[in-house]
Amino acid sequence: MDLDDLLFRYFGTTDMWQVPPSAQIAGIERIEVDFWLATDRGHRFALWALLHMLGSAPDLDVAFKDAGDREAARNFLDLLAATGDG
């Protein structure tokens, strides 16, 4: 999934600085709904990663039943931490 596509889908722009707070909240809520409804593992992971970057991701143990998916999420968090963005 392309980050710009996700941002545009949920916020109507790829520039989060242009999104008013009320629209940010509404966009995050739509992402959360789609996350819980998603059945494709890759799509679900992309939505979780976006939620994490927006400060709204559910805990790994709640978000992912599969141990491999939880490990992938931990690796993602480690990579973010290594770049100083986590």
PDB file of N, CA and C in Angstrom:
ATOM      1  N   MET A   1       0.840  -1.172   0.000  1.00  0.00           N
ATOM      2  CA  MET A   1       0.000   0.000   0.000  1.00  0.00           C
ATOM      3  C   MET A   1       0.886   1.237   0.000  1.00  0.00           C
ATOM      4  N   ASP A   2       0.444   2.218  -0.692  1.00  0.00           N
ATOM      5  CA  ASP A   2       1.170   3.465  -0.809  1.00  0.00           C
ATOM      6  C   ASP A   2       0.674   4.439   0.263  1.00  0.00           C
ATOM      7  N   LEU A   3       1.599   5.020   1.018  1.00  0.00           N
ATOM      8  CA  LEU A   3       1.241   5.936   2.096  1.00  0.00           C
ATOM      9  C   LEU A   3       0.437   7.121   1.580  1.00  0.00           C
ATOM     10  N   ASP A   4       0.864   7.696   0.462  1.00  0.00           N
ATOM     11  CA  ASP A   4       0.125   8.832  -0.084  1.00  0.00           C
ATOM     12  C   ASP A   4      -1.312   8.460  -0.424  1.00  0.00           C
ATOM     13  N   ASP A   5      -1.514   7.269  -0.973  1.00  0.00           N
ATOM     14  CA  ASP A   5      -2.864   6.819  -1.297  1.00  0.00           C
ATOM     15  C   ASP A   5      -3.720   6.685  -0.039  1.00  0.00           C
ATOM     16  N   LEU A   6      -3.122   6.127   1.010  1.00  0.00           N
ATOM     17  CA  LEU A   6      -3.864   5.990   2.265  1.00  0.00           C
ATOM     18  C   LEU A   6      -4.216   7.353   2.853  1.00  0.00           C
ATOM     19  N   LEU A   7      -3.240   8.254   2.873  1.00  0.00           N
ATOM     20  CA  LEU A   7      -3.505   9.588   3.416  1.00  0.00           C
ATOM     21  C   LEU A   7      -4.601  10.295   2.634  1.00  0.00           C
ATOM     22  N   PHE A   8      -4.530  10.203   1.312  1.00  0.00           N
ATOM     23  CA  PHE A   8      -5.550  10.856   0.493  1.00  0.00           C
ATOM     24  C   PHE A   8      -6.917  10.222   0.710  1.00  0.00           C
ATOM     25  N   ARG A   9      -6.938   8.908   0.838  1.00  0.00           N
ATOM     26  CA  ARG A   9      -8.221   8.215   1.041  1.00  0.00           C
ATOM     27  C   ARG A   9      -8.901   8.639   2.340  1.00  0.00           C
ATOM     28  N   TYR A  10      -8.122   8.752   3.406  1.00  0.00           N
ATOM     29  CA  TYR A  10      -8.723   9.010   4.712  1.00  0.00           C
ATOM     30  C   TYR A  10      -8.763  10.491   5.099  1.00  0.00           C
ATOM     31  N   PHE A  11      -7.901  11.305   4.477  1.00  0.00           N
ATOM     32  CA  PHE A  11      -7.835  12.711   4.879  1.00  0.00           C
ATOM     33  C   PHE A  11      -8.037  13.694   3.729  1.00  0.00           C
ATOM     34  N   GLY A  12      -8.129  13.198   2.506  1.00  0.00           N
ATOM     35  CA  GLY A  12      -8.371  14.059   1.360  1.00  0.00           C
ATOM     36  C   GLY A  12      -7.161  14.843   0.895  1.00  0.00           C
ATOM     37  N   THR A  13      -6.000  14.556   1.470  1.00  0.00           N
ATOM     38  CA  THR A  13      -4.748  15.215   1.093  1.00  0.00           C
ATOM     39  C   THR A  13      -3.590  14.347   1.558  1.00  0.00           C
ATOM     40  N   THR A  14      -2.427  14.572   0.982  1.00  0.00           N
ATOM     41  CA  THR A  14      -1.232  13.865   1.445  1.00  0.00           C
ATOM     42  C   THR A  14      -0.436  14.723   2.422  1.00  0.00           C
ATOM     43  N   ASP A  15      -0.868  15.952   2.630  1.00  0.00           N
ATOM     44  CA  ASP A  15      -0.192  16.888   3.529  1.00  0.00           C
ATOM     45  C   ASP A  15      -0.981  16.991   4.833  1.00  0.00           C
ATOM     46  N   MET A  16      -0.558  16.249   5.844  1.00  0.00           N
ATOM     47  CA  MET A  16      -1.287  16.222   7.107  1.00  0.00           C
ATOM     48  C   MET A  16      -1.340  17.581   7.792  1.00  0.00           C
ATOM     49  N   TRP A  17      -0.430  18.492   7.450  1.00  0.00           N
ATOM     50  CA  TRP A  17      -0.445  19.838   8.037  1.00  0.00           C
ATOM     51  C   TRP A  17      -1.680  20.616   7.589  1.00  0.00           C
ATOM     52  N   GLN A  18      -2.283  20.216   6.481  1.00  0.00           N
ATOM     53  CA  GLN A  18      -3.463  20.902   5.963  1.00  0.00           C
ATOM     54  C   GLN A  18      -4.768  20.365   6.554  1.00  0.00           C
ATOM     55  N   VAL A  19      -4.702  19.282   7.293  1.00  0.00           N
ATOM     56  CA  VAL A  19      -5.909  18.629   7.802  1.00  0.00           C
ATOM     57  C   VAL A  19      -6.260  19.222   9.170  1.00  0.00           C
ATOM     58  N   PRO A  20      -7.446  19.825   9.280  1.00  0.00           N
ATOM     59  CA  PRO A  20      -7.861  20.367  10.573  1.00  0.00           C
ATOM     60  C   PRO A  20      -8.044  19.249  11.606  1.00  0.00           C
ATOM     61  N   PRO A  21      -7.893  19.577  12.882  1.00  0.00           N
ATOM     62  CA  PRO A  21      -7.992  18.553  13.932  1.00  0.00           C
ATOM     63  C   PRO A  21      -9.265  17.706  13.866  1.00  0.00           C
ATOM     64  N   SER A  22     -10.401  18.322  13.602  1.00  0.00           N
ATOM     65  CA  SER A  22     -11.646  17.545  13.557  1.00  0.00           C
ATOM     66  C   SER A  22     -11.623  16.539  12.406  1.00  0.00           C
ATOM     67  N   ALA A  23     -11.026  16.911  11.281  1.00  0.00           N
ATOM     68  CA  ALA A  23     -10.913  15.993  10.142  1.00  0.00           C
ATOM     69  C   ALA A  23      -9.884  14.903  10.434  1.00  0.00           C
ATOM     70  N   GLN A  24      -8.852  15.222  11.216  1.00  0.00           N
ATOM     71  CA  GLN A  24      -7.888  14.198  11.608  1.00  0.00           C
ATOM     72  C   GLN A  24      -8.572  13.134  12.451  1.00  0.00           C
ATOM     73  N   ILE A  25      -9.376  13.561  13.399  1.00  0.00           N
ATOM     74  CA  ILE A  25     -10.083  12.621  14.270  1.00  0.00           C
ATOM     75  C   ILE A  25     -11.014  11.740  13.445  1.00  0.00           C
ATOM     76  N   ALA A  26     -11.758  12.357  12.534  1.00  0.00           N
ATOM     77  CA  ALA A  26     -12.689  11.588  11.693  1.00  0.00           C
ATOM     78  C   ALA A  26     -11.936  10.605  10.805  1.00  0.00           C
ATOM     79  N   GLY A  27     -10.813  11.028  10.235  1.00  0.00           N
ATOM     80  CA  GLY A  27     -10.015  10.139   9.390  1.00  0.00           C
ATOM     81  C   GLY A  27      -9.457   8.962  10.170  1.00  0.00           C
ATOM     82  N   ILE A  28      -8.961   9.227  11.362  1.00  0.00           N
ATOM     83  CA  ILE A  28      -8.430   8.152  12.210  1.00  0.00           C
ATOM     84  C   ILE A  28      -9.538   7.170  12.562  1.00  0.00           C
ATOM     85  N   GLU A  29     -10.724   7.670  12.855  1.00  0.00           N
ATOM     86  CA  GLU A  29     -11.841   6.774  13.161  1.00  0.00           C
ATOM     87  C   GLU A  29     -12.180   5.884  11.970  1.00  0.00           C
ATOM     88  N   ARG A  30     -12.121   6.430  10.760  1.00  0.00           N
ATOM     89  CA  ARG A  30     -12.398   5.620   9.562  1.00  0.00           C
ATOM     90  C   ARG A  30     -11.306   4.563   9.370  1.00  0.00           C
ATOM     91  N   ILE A  31     -10.055   4.928   9.637  1.00  0.00           N
ATOM     92  CA  ILE A  31      -8.959   3.950   9.542  1.00  0.00           C
ATOM     93  C   ILE A  31      -9.182   2.823  10.546  1.00  0.00           C
ATOM     94  N   GLU A  32      -9.554   3.193  11.765  1.00  0.00           N
ATOM     95  CA  GLU A  32      -9.790   2.180  12.798  1.00  0.00           C
ATOM     96  C   GLU A  32     -10.891   1.206  12.378  1.00  0.00           C
ATOM     97  N   VAL A  33     -11.978   1.712  11.837  1.00  0.00           N
ATOM     98  CA  VAL A  33     -13.066   0.843  11.388  1.00  0.00           C
ATOM     99  C   VAL A  33     -12.558  -0.096  10.298  1.00  0.00           C
ATOM    100  N   ASP A  34     -11.870   0.473   9.310  1.00  0.00           N
ATOM    101  CA  ASP A  34     -11.348  -0.359   8.218  1.00  0.00           C
ATOM    102  C   ASP A  34     -10.334  -1.379   8.728  1.00  0.00           C
ATOM    103  N   PHE A  35      -9.524  -0.999   9.706  1.00  0.00           N
ATOM    104  CA  PHE A  35      -8.548  -1.930  10.275  1.00  0.00           C
ATOM    105  C   PHE A  35      -9.255  -3.150  10.863  1.00  0.00           C
ATOM    106  N   TRP A  36     -10.286  -2.920  11.665  1.00  0.00           N
ATOM    107  CA  TRP A  36     -10.958  -4.035  12.330  1.00  0.00           C
ATOM    108  C   TRP A  36     -11.770  -4.876  11.357  1.00  0.00           C
ATOM    109  N   LEU A  37     -12.151  -4.301  10.224  1.00  0.00           N
ATOM    110  CA  LEU A  37     -12.908  -5.057   9.223  1.00  0.00           C
ATOM    111  C   LEU A  37     -12.020  -5.758   8.193  1.00  0.00           C
ATOM    112  N   ALA A  38     -10.771  -5.332   8.094  1.00  0.00           N
ATOM    113  CA  ALA A  38      -9.866  -5.871   7.070  1.00  0.00           C
ATOM    114  C   ALA A  38      -9.585  -7.348   7.302  1.00  0.00           C
ATOM    115  N   THR A  39      -9.581  -8.097   6.204  1.00  0.00           N
ATOM    116  CA  THR A  39      -9.254  -9.520   6.290  1.00  0.00           C
ATOM    117  C   THR A  39      -7.916  -9.837   5.627  1.00  0.00           C
ATOM    118  N   ASP A  40      -7.459  -8.978   4.727  1.00  0.00           N
ATOM    119  CA  ASP A  40      -6.168  -9.156   4.080  1.00  0.00           C
ATOM    120  C   ASP A  40      -5.062  -8.728   5.048  1.00  0.00           C
ATOM    121  N   ARG A  41      -4.124  -9.632   5.320  1.00  0.00           N
ATOM    122  CA  ARG A  41      -3.083  -9.366   6.314  1.00  0.00           C
ATOM    123  C   ARG A  41      -2.228  -8.163   5.958  1.00  0.00           C
ATOM    124  N   GLY A  42      -1.858  -8.022   4.675  1.00  0.00           N
ATOM    125  CA  GLY A  42      -1.027  -6.903   4.263  1.00  0.00           C
ATOM    126  C   GLY A  42      -1.740  -5.577   4.412  1.00  0.00           C
ATOM    127  N   HIS A  43      -2.998  -5.546   4.010  1.00  0.00           N
ATOM    128  CA  HIS A  43      -3.802  -4.330   4.135  1.00  0.00           C
ATOM    129  C   HIS A  43      -3.983  -3.966   5.606  1.00  0.00           C
ATOM    130  N   ARG A  44      -4.269  -4.969   6.406  1.00  0.00           N
ATOM    131  CA  ARG A  44      -4.456  -4.759   7.847  1.00  0.00           C
ATOM    132  C   ARG A  44      -3.171  -4.212   8.479  1.00  0.00           C
ATOM    133  N   PHE A  45      -2.022  -4.773   8.085  1.00  0.00           N
ATOM    134  CA  PHE A  45      -0.757  -4.302   8.637  1.00  0.00           C
ATOM    135  C   PHE A  45      -0.493  -2.855   8.232  1.00  0.00           C
ATOM    136  N   ALA A  46      -0.773  -2.512   6.976  1.00  0.00           N
ATOM    137  CA  ALA A  46      -0.566  -1.140   6.512  1.00  0.00           C
ATOM    138  C   ALA A  46      -1.430  -0.164   7.299  1.00  0.00           C
ATOM    139  N   LEU A  47      -2.677  -0.545   7.552  1.00  0.00           N
ATOM    140  CA  LEU A  47      -3.559   0.328   8.328  1.00  0.00           C
ATOM    141  C   LEU A  47      -3.063   0.460   9.767  1.00  0.00           C
ATOM    142  N   TRP A  48      -2.586  -0.639  10.350  1.00  0.00           N
ATOM    143  CA  TRP A  48      -2.045  -0.579  11.710  1.00  0.00           C
ATOM    144  C   TRP A  48      -0.823   0.336  11.748  1.00  0.00           C
ATOM    145  N   ALA A  49       0.065   0.209  10.752  1.00  0.00           N
ATOM    146  CA  ALA A  49       1.268   1.057  10.711  1.00  0.00           C
ATOM    147  C   ALA A  49       0.887   2.529  10.607  1.00  0.00           C
ATOM    148  N   LEU A  50      -0.111   2.838   9.779  1.00  0.00           N
ATOM    149  CA  LEU A  50      -0.568   4.223   9.666  1.00  0.00           C
ATOM    150  C   LEU A  50      -1.160   4.694  10.993  1.00  0.00           C
ATOM    151  N   LEU A  51      -1.965   3.856  11.620  1.00  0.00           N
ATOM    152  CA  LEU A  51      -2.510   4.219  12.930  1.00  0.00           C
ATOM    153  C   LEU A  51      -1.397   4.450  13.942  1.00  0.00           C
ATOM    154  N   HIS A  52      -0.358   3.635  13.885  1.00  0.00           N
ATOM    155  CA  HIS A  52       0.767   3.820  14.803  1.00  0.00           C
ATOM    156  C   HIS A  52       1.423   5.187  14.575  1.00  0.00           C
ATOM    157  N   MET A  53       1.652   5.519  13.323  1.00  0.00           N
ATOM    158  CA  MET A  53       2.294   6.798  13.018  1.00  0.00           C
ATOM    159  C   MET A  53       1.416   7.987  13.423  1.00  0.00           C
ATOM    160  N   LEU A  54       0.113   7.751  13.504  1.00  0.00           N
ATOM    161  CA  LEU A  54      -0.817   8.803  13.923  1.00  0.00           C
ATOM    162  C   LEU A  54      -1.107   8.755  15.422  1.00  0.00           C
ATOM    163  N   GLY A  55      -0.450   7.827  16.123  1.00  0.00           N
ATOM    164  CA  GLY A  55      -0.597   7.732  17.572  1.00  0.00           C
ATOM    165  C   GLY A  55      -1.875   7.054  18.035  1.00  0.00           C
ATOM    166  N   SER A  56      -2.472   6.214  17.198  1.00  0.00           N
ATOM    167  CA  SER A  56      -3.757   5.604  17.541  1.00  0.00           C
ATOM    168  C   SER A  56      -3.812   4.095  17.332  1.00  0.00           C
ATOM    169  N   ALA A  57      -2.686   3.442  17.218  1.00  0.00           N
ATOM    170  CA  ALA A  57      -2.680   1.999  16.947  1.00  0.00           C
ATOM    171  C   ALA A  57      -3.025   1.199  18.200  1.00  0.00           C
ATOM    172  N   PRO A  58      -3.813   0.138  18.029  1.00  0.00           N
ATOM    173  CA  PRO A  58      -4.051  -0.759  19.165  1.00  0.00           C
ATOM    174  C   PRO A  58      -2.778  -1.543  19.498  1.00  0.00           C
ATOM    175  N   ASP A  59      -2.714  -2.037  20.723  1.00  0.00           N
ATOM    176  CA  ASP A  59      -1.572  -2.849  21.137  1.00  0.00           C
ATOM    177  C   ASP A  59      -1.425  -4.061  20.233  1.00  0.00           C
ATOM    178  N   LEU A  60      -0.195  -4.502  20.072  1.00  0.00           N
ATOM    179  CA  LEU A  60       0.095  -5.628  19.178  1.00  0.00           C
ATOM    180  C   LEU A  60      -0.700  -6.882  19.513  1.00  0.00           C
ATOM    181  N   ASP A  61      -0.787  -7.199  20.800  1.00  0.00           N
ATOM    182  CA  ASP A  61      -1.480  -8.422  21.196  1.00  0.00           C
ATOM    183  C   ASP A  61      -2.972  -8.359  20.899  1.00  0.00           C
ATOM    184  N   VAL A  62      -3.518  -7.173  20.833  1.00  0.00           N
ATOM    185  CA  VAL A  62      -4.930  -6.988  20.507  1.00  0.00           C
ATOM    186  C   VAL A  62      -5.109  -6.939  18.988  1.00  0.00           C
ATOM    187  N   ALA A  63      -4.190  -6.288  18.312  1.00  0.00           N
ATOM    188  CA  ALA A  63      -4.314  -6.038  16.878  1.00  0.00           C
ATOM    189  C   ALA A  63      -4.066  -7.278  16.028  1.00  0.00           C
ATOM    190  N   PHE A  64      -3.132  -8.130  16.451  1.00  0.00           N
ATOM    191  CA  PHE A  64      -2.715  -9.249  15.612  1.00  0.00           C
ATOM    192  C   PHE A  64      -2.799 -10.566  16.368  1.00  0.00           C
ATOM    193  N   LYS A  65      -3.616 -11.482  15.878  1.00  0.00           N
ATOM    194  CA  LYS A  65      -3.726 -12.809  16.485  1.00  0.00           C
ATOM    195  C   LYS A  65      -2.529 -13.681  16.107  1.00  0.00           C
ATOM    196  N   ASP A  66      -2.017 -13.481  14.890  1.00  0.00           N
ATOM    197  CA  ASP A  66      -0.924 -14.294  14.372  1.00  0.00           C
ATOM    198  C   ASP A  66       0.419 -13.818  14.937  1.00  0.00           C
ATOM    199  N   ALA A  67       1.213 -14.757  15.459  1.00  0.00           N
ATOM    200  CA  ALA A  67       2.516 -14.420  16.040  1.00  0.00           C
ATOM    201  C   ALA A  67       3.448 -13.799  14.998  1.00  0.00           C
ATOM    202  N   GLY A  68       3.377 -14.256  13.773  1.00  0.00           N
ATOM    203  CA  GLY A  68       4.211 -13.698  12.713  1.00  0.00           C
ATOM    204  C   GLY A  68       3.871 -12.248  12.427  1.00  0.00           C
ATOM    205  N   ASP A  69       2.595 -11.921  12.466  1.00  0.00           N
ATOM    206  CA  ASP A  69       2.182 -10.536  12.265  1.00  0.00           C
ATOM    207  C   ASP A  69       2.644  -9.652  13.408  1.00  0.00           C
ATOM    208  N   ARG A  70       2.563 -10.162  14.631  1.00  0.00           N
ATOM    209  CA  ARG A  70       3.064  -9.396  15.786  1.00  0.00           C
ATOM    210  C   ARG A  70       4.566  -9.167  15.664  1.00  0.00           C
ATOM    211  N   GLU A  71       5.292 -10.184  15.217  1.00  0.00           N
ATOM    212  CA  GLU A  71       6.744 -10.043  15.040  1.00  0.00           C
ATOM    213  C   GLU A  71       7.055  -9.022  13.954  1.00  0.00           C
ATOM    214  N   ALA A  72       6.308  -9.036  12.869  1.00  0.00           N
ATOM    215  CA  ALA A  72       6.503  -8.045  11.800  1.00  0.00           C
ATOM    216  C   ALA A  72       6.252  -6.643  12.332  1.00  0.00           C
ATOM    217  N   ALA A  73       5.234  -6.500  13.163  1.00  0.00           N
ATOM    218  CA  ALA A  73       4.942  -5.187  13.747  1.00  0.00           C
ATOM    219  C   ALA A  73       6.062  -4.755  14.687  1.00  0.00           C
ATOM    220  N   ARG A  74       6.594  -5.682  15.458  1.00  0.00           N
ATOM    221  CA  ARG A  74       7.731  -5.344  16.344  1.00  0.00           C
ATOM    222  C   ARG A  74       8.943  -4.917  15.512  1.00  0.00           C
ATOM    223  N   ASN A  75       9.193  -5.611  14.408  1.00  0.00           N
ATOM    224  CA  ASN A  75      10.300  -5.229  13.525  1.00  0.00           C
ATOM    225  C   ASN A  75      10.084  -3.821  12.970  1.00  0.00           C
ATOM    226  N   PHE A  76       8.854  -3.514  12.581  1.00  0.00           N
ATOM    227  CA  PHE A  76       8.512  -2.179  12.099  1.00  0.00           C
ATOM    228  C   PHE A  76       8.799  -1.135  13.177  1.00  0.00           C
ATOM    229  N   LEU A  77       8.388  -1.421  14.404  1.00  0.00           N
ATOM    230  CA  LEU A  77       8.634  -0.487  15.503  1.00  0.00           C
ATOM    231  C   LEU A  77      10.121  -0.315  15.760  1.00  0.00           C
ATOM    232  N   ASP A  78      10.875  -1.407  15.675  1.00  0.00           N
ATOM    233  CA  ASP A  78      12.334  -1.337  15.848  1.00  0.00           C
ATOM    234  C   ASP A  78      12.970  -0.472  14.768  1.00  0.00           C
ATOM    235  N   LEU A  79      12.512  -0.626  13.515  1.00  0.00           N
ATOM    236  CA  LEU A  79      13.040   0.183  12.419  1.00  0.00           C
ATOM    237  C   LEU A  79      12.730   1.664  12.628  1.00  0.00           C
ATOM    238  N   LEU A  80      11.525   1.949  13.070  1.00  0.00           N
ATOM    239  CA  LEU A  80      11.175   3.348  13.347  1.00  0.00           C
ATOM    240  C   LEU A  80      12.042   3.910  14.466  1.00  0.00           C
ATOM    241  N   ALA A  81      12.245   3.117  15.506  1.00  0.00           N
ATOM    242  CA  ALA A  81      13.067   3.575  16.624  1.00  0.00           C
ATOM    243  C   ALA A  81      14.500   3.822  16.184  1.00  0.00           C
ATOM    244  N   ALA A  82      14.998   2.988  15.300  1.00  0.00           N
ATOM    245  CA  ALA A  82      16.375   3.140  14.816  1.00  0.00           C
ATOM    246  C   ALA A  82      16.555   4.412  13.981  1.00  0.00           C
ATOM    247  N   THR A  83      15.476   4.875  13.355  1.00  0.00           N
ATOM    248  CA  THR A  83      15.570   6.089  12.551  1.00  0.00           C
ATOM    249  C   THR A  83      15.232   7.329  13.371  1.00  0.00           C
ATOM    250  N   GLY A  84      14.820   7.115  14.618  1.00  0.00           N
ATOM    251  CA  GLY A  84      14.454   8.242  15.462  1.00  0.00           C
ATOM    252  C   GLY A  84      13.007   8.681  15.296  1.00  0.00           C
ATOM    253  N   ASP A  85      12.224   7.919  14.523  1.00  0.00           N
ATOM    254  CA  ASP A  85      10.811   8.280  14.303  1.00  0.00           C
ATOM    255  C   ASP A  85       9.855   7.464  15.158  1.00  0.00           C
ATOM    256  N   GLY A  86      10.373   6.612  16.001  1.00  0.00           N
ATOM    257  CA  GLY A  86       9.490   5.743  16.768  1.00  0.00           C
ATOM    258  C   GLY A  86       9.329   6.240  18.125  1.00  0.00           C
TER     259      GLY A  86
END
